[in-house]
Amino acid sequence: MEQGAERSPPLSGSTVLVTGGTGFTGSNLVRKLVDTEGVEVRGIARPSSEIDGDLAEAVAWYRGDVYDADVVEEAMDGVNYVFHLAACFRDPAADDDEYRKVHVESTKLLAEAARQQPSFQRFVHTSTIGVHGHVEDPPADEEAPYNPGDLYQKTKLEGELWVRDFAEERGLPLAVLRPAAIMGPSDRRLLKLFKFAKYGVFPLLDGHDTRYHLIHVEDLTDCMLLSAHHRDALGEVFICGNTEPSSVVDILTQIGDMLGKKVRFIHLPSGPLFMLADATEWISDRLGVEPILYRRRVAFFTKDRAFDTRKLRDTLDFSYRYNNETGIRDTARGYMDRGWL
């Protein structure tokens, strides 16, 4: 199978709905769909969401919450493919119920509406490797135990398990993706980690050099498109990450070299930082702001998060545009071009 053929999915003549299409990953996917000849692209976006200028006219946007039944019903009419990317990710303004609505209730509405479409082809559901939590015996694969560590991970797992059960019981054509940490030139989630290279110092908690699994947004969205039409993706779950994890030391050393900085790694005990994180979260929650430090992030740097991604390559014959080194370089250059790093 030629990779070039897989990168140009046969979606021509179809109507596609993307949720989360105004976000970092979603907008990348939407642009690829818009550039696919003969595809009608729709998106659900909250009234407060900003839509990039080049996508404002190219996509039919349905304004409203992704868990609003009326909005979903209207947007889903005649749809052939769904890419469900909408997520509530560490939003300080969101309460517990909002996480469940975005990750679970919206999934139910979309899946049930998909079953009503006479020519529906596939539902691509975006979960997260976070459903596995901290991996006790890395590398973990798709069959590893679930161990979600926070509300985001717990509700993402709830939504994933529901839609998989629904698909099996009701015959919904489904593929589920669990992305690793997503990198790319305009991403902000990894920016704090990358900034440590600029500072020139990074703490290794309890002396642990965490292994971090990454995937470039270009590769992740290629995975999404591929899973929408590949026959062997039907009914399957895939961890979407690079072939190998990258250690924090390797990542920051590479970025430091790009910045002309020598990064020093110092060993610190994790206990005091956990206490500080708990206090920071408590105060931030009451102020309604995003914490600058939180327990889950501290815990992350005391564990390995390495995965076995062979299923993606063996089953779908997927090949990557970026490896760890080139993806990190592309991301860091994007940060520098934007004046963020």
C-alpha atoms as a PDB file:
ATOM      1  CA  MET A   1       0.000   0.000   0.000  1.00  0.00           C
ATOM      2  CA  GLU A   2       1.432   3.345  -0.985  1.00  0.00           C
ATOM      3  CA  GLN A   3       1.512   5.920   1.781  1.00  0.00           C
ATOM      4  CA  GLY A   4       0.701   8.659  -0.690  1.00  0.00           C
ATOM      5  CA  ALA A   5      -2.648   7.047  -1.398  1.00  0.00           C
ATOM      6  CA  GLU A   6      -3.447   6.867   2.284  1.00  0.00           C
ATOM      7  CA  ARG A   7      -2.665  10.537   2.757  1.00  0.00           C
ATOM      8  CA  SER A   8      -5.333  11.456   0.203  1.00  0.00           C
ATOM      9  CA  PRO A   9      -8.393   9.776   1.739  1.00  0.00           C
ATOM     10  CA  PRO A  10     -11.287   8.941  -0.586  1.00  0.00           C
ATOM     11  CA  LEU A  11     -13.783  11.269   1.077  1.00  0.00           C
ATOM     12  CA  SER A  12     -14.692  13.145  -2.091  1.00  0.00           C
ATOM     13  CA  GLY A  13     -18.425  13.679  -2.458  1.00  0.00           C
ATOM     14  CA  SER A  14     -19.040  13.347   1.286  1.00  0.00           C
ATOM     15  CA  THR A  15     -20.260  15.644   4.032  1.00  0.00           C
ATOM     16  CA  VAL A  16     -18.015  15.750   7.078  1.00  0.00           C
ATOM     17  CA  LEU A  17     -18.643  17.169  10.556  1.00  0.00           C
ATOM     18  CA  VAL A  18     -15.761  18.164  12.842  1.00  0.00           C
ATOM     19  CA  THR A  19     -16.213  19.055  16.501  1.00  0.00           C
ATOM     20  CA  GLY A  20     -13.417  20.984  18.165  1.00  0.00           C
ATOM     21  CA  GLY A  21     -12.539  22.376  14.758  1.00  0.00           C
ATOM     22  CA  THR A  22     -11.406  25.761  16.073  1.00  0.00           C
ATOM     23  CA  GLY A  23      -8.721  24.257  18.315  1.00  0.00           C
ATOM     24  CA  PHE A  24      -5.079  23.512  17.594  1.00  0.00           C
ATOM     25  CA  THR A  25      -5.572  19.966  16.293  1.00  0.00           C
ATOM     26  CA  GLY A  26      -9.068  20.521  14.947  1.00  0.00           C
ATOM     27  CA  SER A  27      -8.153  23.490  12.756  1.00  0.00           C
ATOM     28  CA  ASN A  28      -5.269  21.493  11.273  1.00  0.00           C
ATOM     29  CA  LEU A  29      -7.680  18.674  10.413  1.00  0.00           C
ATOM     30  CA  VAL A  30     -10.294  21.062   9.028  1.00  0.00           C
ATOM     31  CA  ARG A  31      -7.744  22.632   6.679  1.00  0.00           C
ATOM     32  CA  LYS A  32      -6.843  19.223   5.284  1.00  0.00           C
ATOM     33  CA  LEU A  33     -10.521  18.412   4.757  1.00  0.00           C
ATOM     34  CA  VAL A  34     -11.176  21.771   3.100  1.00  0.00           C
ATOM     35  CA  ASP A  35      -8.288  21.062   0.725  1.00  0.00           C
ATOM     36  CA  THR A  36      -9.800  17.683  -0.209  1.00  0.00           C
ATOM     37  CA  GLU A  37     -11.740  18.086  -3.435  1.00  0.00           C
ATOM     38  CA  GLY A  38     -15.467  17.505  -3.227  1.00  0.00           C
ATOM     39  CA  VAL A  39     -15.778  17.460   0.569  1.00  0.00           C
ATOM     40  CA  GLU A  40     -18.379  19.585   2.328  1.00  0.00           C
ATOM     41  CA  VAL A  41     -16.963  20.484   5.736  1.00  0.00           C
ATOM     42  CA  ARG A  42     -19.111  21.409   8.715  1.00  0.00           C
ATOM     43  CA  GLY A  43     -18.109  22.368  12.223  1.00  0.00           C
ATOM     44  CA  ILE A  44     -19.744  22.968  15.584  1.00  0.00           C
ATOM     45  CA  ALA A  45     -18.270  25.946  17.415  1.00  0.00           C
ATOM     46  CA  ARG A  46     -19.289  27.763  20.564  1.00  0.00           C
ATOM     47  CA  PRO A  47     -20.427  31.371  20.036  1.00  0.00           C
ATOM     48  CA  SER A  48     -17.298  32.545  21.884  1.00  0.00           C
ATOM     49  CA  SER A  49     -14.882  30.523  19.732  1.00  0.00           C
ATOM     50  CA  GLU A  50     -12.656  32.439  17.341  1.00  0.00           C
ATOM     51  CA  ILE A  51     -12.560  31.050  13.814  1.00  0.00           C
ATOM     52  CA  ASP A  52      -9.469  31.594  11.688  1.00  0.00           C
ATOM     53  CA  GLY A  53     -10.183  33.861   8.747  1.00  0.00           C
ATOM     54  CA  ASP A  54      -9.356  31.312   6.069  1.00  0.00           C
ATOM     55  CA  LEU A  55     -11.811  28.834   7.594  1.00  0.00           C
ATOM     56  CA  ALA A  56     -14.692  31.205   8.276  1.00  0.00           C
ATOM     57  CA  GLU A  57     -16.121  30.953   4.759  1.00  0.00           C
ATOM     58  CA  ALA A  58     -14.754  27.557   3.756  1.00  0.00           C
ATOM     59  CA  VAL A  59     -16.648  25.698   6.497  1.00  0.00           C
ATOM     60  CA  ALA A  60     -20.343  25.638   7.383  1.00  0.00           C
ATOM     61  CA  TRP A  61     -20.246  26.543  11.077  1.00  0.00           C
ATOM     62  CA  TYR A  62     -23.044  25.681  13.474  1.00  0.00           C
ATOM     63  CA  ARG A  63     -22.779  27.934  16.490  1.00  0.00           C
ATOM     64  CA  GLY A  64     -23.620  26.476  19.869  1.00  0.00           C
ATOM     65  CA  ASP A  65     -22.498  23.928  22.441  1.00  0.00           C
ATOM     66  CA  VAL A  66     -21.493  20.519  21.172  1.00  0.00           C
ATOM     67  CA  TYR A  67     -23.852  19.001  23.748  1.00  0.00           C
ATOM     68  CA  ASP A  68     -26.853  21.053  22.583  1.00  0.00           C
ATOM     69  CA  ALA A  69     -29.263  18.510  21.073  1.00  0.00           C
ATOM     70  CA  ASP A  70     -30.781  21.002  18.609  1.00  0.00           C
ATOM     71  CA  VAL A  71     -27.384  22.113  17.323  1.00  0.00           C
ATOM     72  CA  VAL A  72     -26.217  18.513  16.907  1.00  0.00           C
ATOM     73  CA  GLU A  73     -29.399  17.490  15.107  1.00  0.00           C
ATOM     74  CA  GLU A  74     -29.085  20.333  12.612  1.00  0.00           C
ATOM     75  CA  ALA A  75     -25.344  19.889  12.029  1.00  0.00           C
ATOM     76  CA  MET A  76     -25.625  16.106  11.588  1.00  0.00           C
ATOM     77  CA  ASP A  77     -28.321  16.140   8.909  1.00  0.00           C
ATOM     78  CA  GLY A  78     -26.932  14.259   5.896  1.00  0.00           C
ATOM     79  CA  VAL A  79     -23.440  13.790   7.372  1.00  0.00           C
ATOM     80  CA  ASN A  80     -21.289  10.859   6.209  1.00  0.00           C
ATOM     81  CA  TYR A  81     -18.301  11.197   8.555  1.00  0.00           C
ATOM     82  CA  VAL A  82     -17.793  12.583  12.052  1.00  0.00           C
ATOM     83  CA  PHE A  83     -14.469  13.598  13.573  1.00  0.00           C
ATOM     84  CA  HIS A  84     -15.208  14.161  17.261  1.00  0.00           C
ATOM     85  CA  LEU A  85     -12.344  16.220  18.721  1.00  0.00           C
ATOM     86  CA  ALA A  86     -14.202  18.552  21.087  1.00  0.00           C
ATOM     87  CA  ALA A  87     -12.596  18.603  24.539  1.00  0.00           C
ATOM     88  CA  CYS A  88     -12.711  20.497  27.784  1.00  0.00           C
ATOM     89  CA  PHE A  89      -9.021  20.695  28.673  1.00  0.00           C
ATOM     90  CA  ARG A  90      -8.025  22.282  31.984  1.00  0.00           C
ATOM     91  CA  ASP A  91     -10.545  25.096  31.580  1.00  0.00           C
ATOM     92  CA  PRO A  92     -10.563  27.010  34.901  1.00  0.00           C
ATOM     93  CA  ALA A  93     -14.024  28.358  34.110  1.00  0.00           C
ATOM     94  CA  ALA A  94     -15.509  24.884  33.593  1.00  0.00           C
ATOM     95  CA  ASP A  95     -17.204  23.022  36.417  1.00  0.00           C
ATOM     96  CA  ASP A  96     -17.318  19.243  36.757  1.00  0.00           C
ATOM     97  CA  ASP A  97     -20.597  19.033  34.868  1.00  0.00           C
ATOM     98  CA  GLU A  98     -19.113  20.841  31.866  1.00  0.00           C
ATOM     99  CA  TYR A  99     -16.412  18.177  31.476  1.00  0.00           C
ATOM    100  CA  ARG A 100     -19.052  15.447  31.449  1.00  0.00           C
ATOM    101  CA  LYS A 101     -21.251  17.314  28.986  1.00  0.00           C
ATOM    102  CA  VAL A 102     -18.402  17.903  26.519  1.00  0.00           C
ATOM    103  CA  HIS A 103     -16.825  14.447  26.764  1.00  0.00           C
ATOM    104  CA  VAL A 104     -19.824  12.195  27.391  1.00  0.00           C
ATOM    105  CA  GLU A 105     -23.133  13.853  26.572  1.00  0.00           C
ATOM    106  CA  SER A 106     -21.932  15.255  23.253  1.00  0.00           C
ATOM    107  CA  THR A 107     -20.592  11.843  22.274  1.00  0.00           C
ATOM    108  CA  LYS A 108     -23.980  10.277  22.951  1.00  0.00           C
ATOM    109  CA  LEU A 109     -25.832  12.905  20.914  1.00  0.00           C
ATOM    110  CA  LEU A 110     -23.461  12.663  17.958  1.00  0.00           C
ATOM    111  CA  ALA A 111     -23.386   8.864  17.907  1.00  0.00           C
ATOM    112  CA  GLU A 112     -27.161   8.569  18.136  1.00  0.00           C
ATOM    113  CA  ALA A 113     -27.580  11.159  15.377  1.00  0.00           C
ATOM    114  CA  ALA A 114     -25.032   9.327  13.217  1.00  0.00           C
ATOM    115  CA  ARG A 115     -27.120   6.162  13.396  1.00  0.00           C
ATOM    116  CA  GLN A 116     -30.027   8.103  11.892  1.00  0.00           C
ATOM    117  CA  GLN A 117     -28.069   9.115   8.773  1.00  0.00           C
ATOM    118  CA  PRO A 118     -28.818   6.743   5.884  1.00  0.00           C
ATOM    119  CA  SER A 119     -25.359   7.000   4.292  1.00  0.00           C
ATOM    120  CA  PHE A 120     -23.184   7.314   7.379  1.00  0.00           C
ATOM    121  CA  GLN A 121     -19.685   5.871   6.897  1.00  0.00           C
ATOM    122  CA  ARG A 122     -17.577   6.312  10.034  1.00  0.00           C
ATOM    123  CA  PHE A 123     -17.346   7.989  13.416  1.00  0.00           C
ATOM    124  CA  VAL A 124     -13.754   8.872  14.392  1.00  0.00           C
ATOM    125  CA  HIS A 125     -13.665   9.408  18.151  1.00  0.00           C
ATOM    126  CA  THR A 126     -10.706  11.192  19.736  1.00  0.00           C
ATOM    127  CA  SER A 127      -9.907   9.932  23.215  1.00  0.00           C
ATOM    128  CA  THR A 128      -6.522  10.333  24.977  1.00  0.00           C
ATOM    129  CA  ILE A 129      -3.624   8.236  26.233  1.00  0.00           C
ATOM    130  CA  GLY A 130      -4.558   9.799  29.559  1.00  0.00           C
ATOM    131  CA  VAL A 131      -7.175   7.067  30.011  1.00  0.00           C
ATOM    132  CA  HIS A 132      -4.217   4.848  30.993  1.00  0.00           C
ATOM    133  CA  GLY A 133      -3.043   7.366  33.593  1.00  0.00           C
ATOM    134  CA  HIS A 134       0.435   6.721  34.902  1.00  0.00           C
ATOM    135  CA  VAL A 135       1.784   3.540  33.353  1.00  0.00           C
ATOM    136  CA  GLU A 136       3.188   1.202  35.979  1.00  0.00           C
ATOM    137  CA  ASP A 137       4.978  -1.099  33.538  1.00  0.00           C
ATOM    138  CA  PRO A 138       5.861   0.826  30.358  1.00  0.00           C
ATOM    139  CA  PRO A 139       5.515   0.641  27.472  1.00  0.00           C
ATOM    140  CA  ALA A 140       1.722   0.351  27.511  1.00  0.00           C
ATOM    141  CA  ASP A 141      -0.365  -0.669  24.528  1.00  0.00           C
ATOM    142  CA  GLU A 142      -4.065  -0.383  23.729  1.00  0.00           C
ATOM    143  CA  GLU A 143      -4.898  -3.228  26.126  1.00  0.00           C
ATOM    144  CA  ALA A 144      -3.161  -1.692  29.146  1.00  0.00           C
ATOM    145  CA  PRO A 145      -5.296  -1.125  32.282  1.00  0.00           C
ATOM    146  CA  TYR A 146      -7.237   2.096  32.620  1.00  0.00           C
ATOM    147  CA  ASN A 147      -6.028   4.415  35.337  1.00  0.00           C
ATOM    148  CA  PRO A 148      -7.377   7.951  34.750  1.00  0.00           C
ATOM    149  CA  GLY A 149      -5.961  10.453  37.195  1.00  0.00           C
ATOM    150  CA  ASP A 150      -8.188  13.535  36.922  1.00  0.00           C
ATOM    151  CA  LEU A 151     -11.618  14.661  35.781  1.00  0.00           C
ATOM    152  CA  TYR A 152     -10.472  15.288  32.216  1.00  0.00           C
ATOM    153  CA  GLN A 153      -9.117  11.742  31.882  1.00  0.00           C
ATOM    154  CA  LYS A 154     -12.043  10.149  33.719  1.00  0.00           C
ATOM    155  CA  THR A 155     -14.703  11.772  31.556  1.00  0.00           C
ATOM    156  CA  LYS A 156     -12.726  11.107  28.362  1.00  0.00           C
ATOM    157  CA  LEU A 157     -12.616   7.440  29.357  1.00  0.00           C
ATOM    158  CA  GLU A 158     -16.342   7.445  30.140  1.00  0.00           C
ATOM    159  CA  GLY A 159     -17.110   8.886  26.712  1.00  0.00           C
ATOM    160  CA  GLU A 160     -14.817   6.435  24.934  1.00  0.00           C
ATOM    161  CA  LEU A 161     -16.228   3.358  26.671  1.00  0.00           C
ATOM    162  CA  TRP A 162     -19.795   4.505  26.041  1.00  0.00           C
ATOM    163  CA  VAL A 163     -19.305   5.021  22.317  1.00  0.00           C
ATOM    164  CA  ARG A 164     -17.476   1.710  21.924  1.00  0.00           C
ATOM    165  CA  ASP A 165     -20.341  -0.140  23.618  1.00  0.00           C
ATOM    166  CA  PHE A 166     -22.877   1.791  21.548  1.00  0.00           C
ATOM    167  CA  ALA A 167     -21.031   0.992  18.312  1.00  0.00           C
ATOM    168  CA  GLU A 168     -20.938  -2.708  19.091  1.00  0.00           C
ATOM    169  CA  GLU A 169     -24.596  -2.875  20.122  1.00  0.00           C
ATOM    170  CA  ARG A 170     -26.037  -0.587  17.437  1.00  0.00           C
ATOM    171  CA  GLY A 171     -23.679  -1.172  14.515  1.00  0.00           C
ATOM    172  CA  LEU A 172     -22.095   2.287  14.431  1.00  0.00           C
ATOM    173  CA  PRO A 173     -18.970   2.241  12.219  1.00  0.00           C
ATOM    174  CA  LEU A 174     -16.351   3.524  14.677  1.00  0.00           C
ATOM    175  CA  ALA A 175     -12.618   4.093  15.061  1.00  0.00           C
ATOM    176  CA  VAL A 176     -11.102   5.375  18.313  1.00  0.00           C
ATOM    177  CA  LEU A 177      -7.800   7.250  18.584  1.00  0.00           C
ATOM    178  CA  ARG A 178      -5.848   7.902  21.779  1.00  0.00           C
ATOM    179  CA  PRO A 179      -3.342  10.653  20.934  1.00  0.00           C
ATOM    180  CA  ALA A 180      -0.077  11.085  22.791  1.00  0.00           C
ATOM    181  CA  ALA A 181       1.206  14.593  23.623  1.00  0.00           C
ATOM    182  CA  ILE A 182       0.572  16.721  20.542  1.00  0.00           C
ATOM    183  CA  MET A 183       3.282  19.047  19.276  1.00  0.00           C
ATOM    184  CA  GLY A 184       3.400  21.576  16.473  1.00  0.00           C
ATOM    185  CA  PRO A 185       4.396  25.171  15.696  1.00  0.00           C
ATOM    186  CA  SER A 186       1.312  26.864  17.159  1.00  0.00           C
ATOM    187  CA  ASP A 187       0.649  24.534  20.091  1.00  0.00           C
ATOM    188  CA  ARG A 188       0.809  26.031  23.585  1.00  0.00           C
ATOM    189  CA  ARG A 189       0.437  22.917  25.725  1.00  0.00           C
ATOM    190  CA  LEU A 190       4.136  22.037  25.547  1.00  0.00           C
ATOM    191  CA  LEU A 191       5.309  25.642  25.696  1.00  0.00           C
ATOM    192  CA  LYS A 192       5.965  25.591  29.445  1.00  0.00           C
ATOM    193  CA  LEU A 193       8.167  22.518  29.080  1.00  0.00           C
ATOM    194  CA  PHE A 194      10.084  24.053  26.189  1.00  0.00           C
ATOM    195  CA  LYS A 195      10.633  27.275  28.136  1.00  0.00           C
ATOM    196  CA  PHE A 196      12.761  25.399  30.658  1.00  0.00           C
ATOM    197  CA  ALA A 197      15.433  25.168  27.943  1.00  0.00           C
ATOM    198  CA  LYS A 198      15.368  28.954  27.660  1.00  0.00           C
ATOM    199  CA  TYR A 199      15.751  29.254  31.428  1.00  0.00           C
ATOM    200  CA  GLY A 200      18.689  26.856  31.238  1.00  0.00           C
ATOM    201  CA  VAL A 201      17.699  24.699  34.196  1.00  0.00           C
ATOM    202  CA  PHE A 202      15.239  21.844  34.768  1.00  0.00           C
ATOM    203  CA  PRO A 203      14.430  19.845  37.919  1.00  0.00           C
ATOM    204  CA  LEU A 204      14.538  16.054  37.748  1.00  0.00           C
ATOM    205  CA  LEU A 205      12.153  15.035  40.509  1.00  0.00           C
ATOM    206  CA  ASP A 206      13.623  12.230  42.590  1.00  0.00           C
ATOM    207  CA  GLY A 207      16.276  12.000  39.877  1.00  0.00           C
ATOM    208  CA  HIS A 208      13.749  10.671  37.353  1.00  0.00           C
ATOM    209  CA  ASP A 209      14.272  11.330  33.618  1.00  0.00           C
ATOM    210  CA  THR A 210      10.681  11.032  32.406  1.00  0.00           C
ATOM    211  CA  ARG A 211      10.011   9.432  29.051  1.00  0.00           C
ATOM    212  CA  TYR A 212       7.439  11.459  27.151  1.00  0.00           C
ATOM    213  CA  HIS A 213       5.492  10.158  24.144  1.00  0.00           C
ATOM    214  CA  LEU A 214       4.906  12.712  21.399  1.00  0.00           C
ATOM    215  CA  ILE A 215       3.199  13.037  18.029  1.00  0.00           C
ATOM    216  CA  HIS A 216       3.263  15.959  15.618  1.00  0.00           C
ATOM    217  CA  VAL A 217      -0.127  17.466  14.799  1.00  0.00           C
ATOM    218  CA  GLU A 218       0.437  16.788  11.085  1.00  0.00           C
ATOM    219  CA  ASP A 219       0.879  13.100  11.814  1.00  0.00           C
ATOM    220  CA  LEU A 220      -2.042  12.956  14.223  1.00  0.00           C
ATOM    221  CA  THR A 221      -4.447  14.499  11.739  1.00  0.00           C
ATOM    222  CA  ASP A 222      -3.141  12.116   9.080  1.00  0.00           C
ATOM    223  CA  CYS A 223      -4.017   9.298  11.507  1.00  0.00           C
ATOM    224  CA  MET A 224      -7.519  10.713  11.830  1.00  0.00           C
ATOM    225  CA  LEU A 225      -8.051  10.882   8.082  1.00  0.00           C
ATOM    226  CA  LEU A 226      -6.624   7.418   7.569  1.00  0.00           C
ATOM    227  CA  SER A 227      -8.814   5.873  10.260  1.00  0.00           C
ATOM    228  CA  ALA A 228     -11.891   7.433   8.635  1.00  0.00           C
ATOM    229  CA  HIS A 229     -11.630   5.199   5.578  1.00  0.00           C
ATOM    230  CA  HIS A 230      -9.145   2.373   6.206  1.00  0.00           C
ATOM    231  CA  ARG A 231     -11.113  -0.870   6.383  1.00  0.00           C
ATOM    232  CA  ASP A 232      -8.893  -2.284   9.118  1.00  0.00           C
ATOM    233  CA  ALA A 233      -9.526   0.710  11.391  1.00  0.00           C
ATOM    234  CA  LEU A 234     -13.203  -0.235  11.744  1.00  0.00           C
ATOM    235  CA  GLY A 235     -14.014  -1.089  15.356  1.00  0.00           C
ATOM    236  CA  GLU A 236     -10.424  -0.624  16.513  1.00  0.00           C
ATOM    237  CA  VAL A 237      -8.613   1.551  19.064  1.00  0.00           C
ATOM    238  CA  PHE A 238      -5.215   3.054  18.251  1.00  0.00           C
ATOM    239  CA  ILE A 239      -2.641   4.798  20.391  1.00  0.00           C
ATOM    240  CA  CYS A 240      -1.317   7.601  18.173  1.00  0.00           C
ATOM    241  CA  GLY A 241       2.266   8.371  19.085  1.00  0.00           C
ATOM    242  CA  ASN A 242       5.700   8.305  17.520  1.00  0.00           C
ATOM    243  CA  THR A 243       7.568   5.037  17.173  1.00  0.00           C
ATOM    244  CA  GLU A 244       9.563   5.717  20.353  1.00  0.00           C
ATOM    245  CA  PRO A 245       9.197   7.949  23.410  1.00  0.00           C
ATOM    246  CA  SER A 246      11.630  10.783  24.046  1.00  0.00           C
ATOM    247  CA  SER A 247      13.094  11.560  27.436  1.00  0.00           C
ATOM    248  CA  VAL A 248      12.733  14.997  28.990  1.00  0.00           C
ATOM    249  CA  VAL A 249      16.523  15.311  29.132  1.00  0.00           C
ATOM    250  CA  ASP A 250      16.785  14.603  25.395  1.00  0.00           C
ATOM    251  CA  ILE A 251      13.986  17.056  24.546  1.00  0.00           C
ATOM    252  CA  LEU A 252      15.417  19.942  26.565  1.00  0.00           C
ATOM    253  CA  THR A 253      18.977  19.255  25.486  1.00  0.00           C
ATOM    254  CA  GLN A 254      17.895  19.435  21.833  1.00  0.00           C
ATOM    255  CA  ILE A 255      15.993  22.683  22.370  1.00  0.00           C
ATOM    256  CA  GLY A 256      18.867  24.116  24.373  1.00  0.00           C
ATOM    257  CA  ASP A 257      21.221  23.402  21.485  1.00  0.00           C
ATOM    258  CA  MET A 258      18.856  25.284  19.155  1.00  0.00           C
ATOM    259  CA  LEU A 259      18.807  28.247  21.544  1.00  0.00           C
ATOM    260  CA  GLY A 260      22.522  28.124  22.241  1.00  0.00           C
ATOM    261  CA  LYS A 261      21.818  27.235  25.874  1.00  0.00           C
ATOM    262  CA  LYS A 262      23.348  24.500  27.971  1.00  0.00           C
ATOM    263  CA  VAL A 263      20.535  23.100  30.118  1.00  0.00           C
ATOM    264  CA  ARG A 264      21.476  22.022  33.632  1.00  0.00           C
ATOM    265  CA  PHE A 265      19.448  19.249  35.257  1.00  0.00           C
ATOM    266  CA  ILE A 266      19.154  19.386  39.023  1.00  0.00           C
ATOM    267  CA  HIS A 267      17.774  16.682  41.321  1.00  0.00           C
ATOM    268  CA  LEU A 268      14.959  17.683  43.666  1.00  0.00           C
ATOM    269  CA  PRO A 269      12.675  15.696  45.968  1.00  0.00           C
ATOM    270  CA  SER A 270       9.085  15.523  44.747  1.00  0.00           C
ATOM    271  CA  GLY A 271       7.383  15.726  48.168  1.00  0.00           C
ATOM    272  CA  PRO A 272       7.583  19.510  48.714  1.00  0.00           C
ATOM    273  CA  LEU A 273       6.468  20.188  45.136  1.00  0.00           C
ATOM    274  CA  PHE A 274       3.381  18.003  45.582  1.00  0.00           C
ATOM    275  CA  MET A 275       2.478  20.045  48.651  1.00  0.00           C
ATOM    276  CA  LEU A 276       3.025  23.305  46.758  1.00  0.00           C
ATOM    277  CA  ALA A 277       0.939  22.026  43.825  1.00  0.00           C
ATOM    278  CA  ASP A 278      -1.946  21.107  46.127  1.00  0.00           C
ATOM    279  CA  ALA A 279      -1.904  24.586  47.657  1.00  0.00           C
ATOM    280  CA  THR A 280      -1.685  26.246  44.231  1.00  0.00           C
ATOM    281  CA  GLU A 281      -4.641  24.273  42.901  1.00  0.00           C
ATOM    282  CA  TRP A 282      -6.729  25.070  45.977  1.00  0.00           C
ATOM    283  CA  ILE A 283      -6.088  28.796  45.680  1.00  0.00           C
ATOM    284  CA  SER A 284      -6.518  28.872  41.882  1.00  0.00           C
ATOM    285  CA  ASP A 285      -9.823  27.011  42.095  1.00  0.00           C
ATOM    286  CA  ARG A 286     -11.214  29.643  44.424  1.00  0.00           C
ATOM    287  CA  LEU A 287      -9.931  32.465  42.237  1.00  0.00           C
ATOM    288  CA  GLY A 288     -11.269  30.864  39.072  1.00  0.00           C
ATOM    289  CA  VAL A 289      -7.899  30.904  37.303  1.00  0.00           C
ATOM    290  CA  GLU A 290      -5.711  28.211  35.788  1.00  0.00           C
ATOM    291  CA  PRO A 291      -3.083  27.007  38.300  1.00  0.00           C
ATOM    292  CA  ILE A 292       0.524  27.578  37.325  1.00  0.00           C
ATOM    293  CA  LEU A 293       1.377  24.328  39.109  1.00  0.00           C
ATOM    294  CA  TYR A 294      -0.844  21.321  39.741  1.00  0.00           C
ATOM    295  CA  ARG A 295      -0.472  17.824  41.203  1.00  0.00           C
ATOM    296  CA  ARG A 296      -1.033  15.974  37.949  1.00  0.00           C
ATOM    297  CA  ARG A 297       1.848  17.810  36.290  1.00  0.00           C
ATOM    298  CA  VAL A 298       4.193  17.173  39.212  1.00  0.00           C
ATOM    299  CA  ALA A 299       3.197  13.499  39.194  1.00  0.00           C
ATOM    300  CA  PHE A 300       3.870  13.348  35.469  1.00  0.00           C
ATOM    301  CA  PHE A 301       7.532  14.136  36.048  1.00  0.00           C
ATOM    302  CA  THR A 302       7.909  11.234  38.470  1.00  0.00           C
ATOM    303  CA  LYS A 303       6.608   8.562  36.083  1.00  0.00           C
ATOM    304  CA  ASP A 304       7.324   7.040  32.698  1.00  0.00           C
ATOM    305  CA  ARG A 305       4.662   7.610  30.034  1.00  0.00           C
ATOM    306  CA  ALA A 306       5.949   5.375  27.265  1.00  0.00           C
ATOM    307  CA  PHE A 307       3.722   3.497  24.824  1.00  0.00           C
ATOM    308  CA  ASP A 308       3.931   0.717  22.258  1.00  0.00           C
ATOM    309  CA  THR A 309       2.549   2.212  19.036  1.00  0.00           C
ATOM    310  CA  ARG A 310       3.094  -0.768  16.732  1.00  0.00           C
ATOM    311  CA  LYS A 311      -0.620  -1.391  16.195  1.00  0.00           C
ATOM    312  CA  LEU A 312      -0.983   1.923  14.354  1.00  0.00           C
ATOM    313  CA  ARG A 313       1.800   1.021  11.933  1.00  0.00           C
ATOM    314  CA  ASP A 314       1.095  -2.702  11.600  1.00  0.00           C
ATOM    315  CA  THR A 315      -2.669  -2.424  11.128  1.00  0.00           C
ATOM    316  CA  LEU A 316      -2.958   0.800   9.131  1.00  0.00           C
ATOM    317  CA  ASP A 317       0.463   0.786   7.450  1.00  0.00           C
ATOM    318  CA  PHE A 318       0.956   4.281   8.795  1.00  0.00           C
ATOM    319  CA  SER A 319       4.212   6.168   8.265  1.00  0.00           C
ATOM    320  CA  TYR A 320       5.207   9.452   9.863  1.00  0.00           C
ATOM    321  CA  ARG A 321       6.147  12.828   8.477  1.00  0.00           C
ATOM    322  CA  TYR A 322       8.024  13.708  11.692  1.00  0.00           C
ATOM    323  CA  ASN A 323      10.099  11.762  14.174  1.00  0.00           C
ATOM    324  CA  ASN A 324      10.841  13.014  17.689  1.00  0.00           C
ATOM    325  CA  GLU A 325      13.838  15.104  16.658  1.00  0.00           C
ATOM    326  CA  THR A 326      12.291  16.774  13.600  1.00  0.00           C
ATOM    327  CA  GLY A 327       8.966  17.312  15.368  1.00  0.00           C
ATOM    328  CA  ILE A 328      10.597  18.971  18.366  1.00  0.00           C
ATOM    329  CA  ARG A 329      12.687  21.140  16.036  1.00  0.00           C
ATOM    330  CA  ASP A 330       9.612  22.204  14.054  1.00  0.00           C
ATOM    331  CA  THR A 331       7.705  23.016  17.252  1.00  0.00           C
ATOM    332  CA  ALA A 332      10.568  24.963  18.795  1.00  0.00           C
ATOM    333  CA  ARG A 333      11.094  26.975  15.611  1.00  0.00           C
ATOM    334  CA  GLY A 334       7.390  27.791  15.553  1.00  0.00           C
ATOM    335  CA  TYR A 335       7.592  29.027  19.140  1.00  0.00           C
ATOM    336  CA  MET A 336      10.613  31.152  18.327  1.00  0.00           C
ATOM    337  CA  ASP A 337       9.013  32.592  15.181  1.00  0.00           C
ATOM    338  CA  ARG A 338       6.039  33.672  17.274  1.00  0.00           C
ATOM    339  CA  GLY A 339       8.248  35.156  19.981  1.00  0.00           C
ATOM    340  CA  TRP A 340       7.053  32.649  22.575  1.00  0.00           C
ATOM    341  CA  LEU A 341      10.428  31.043  23.221  1.00  0.00           C
END
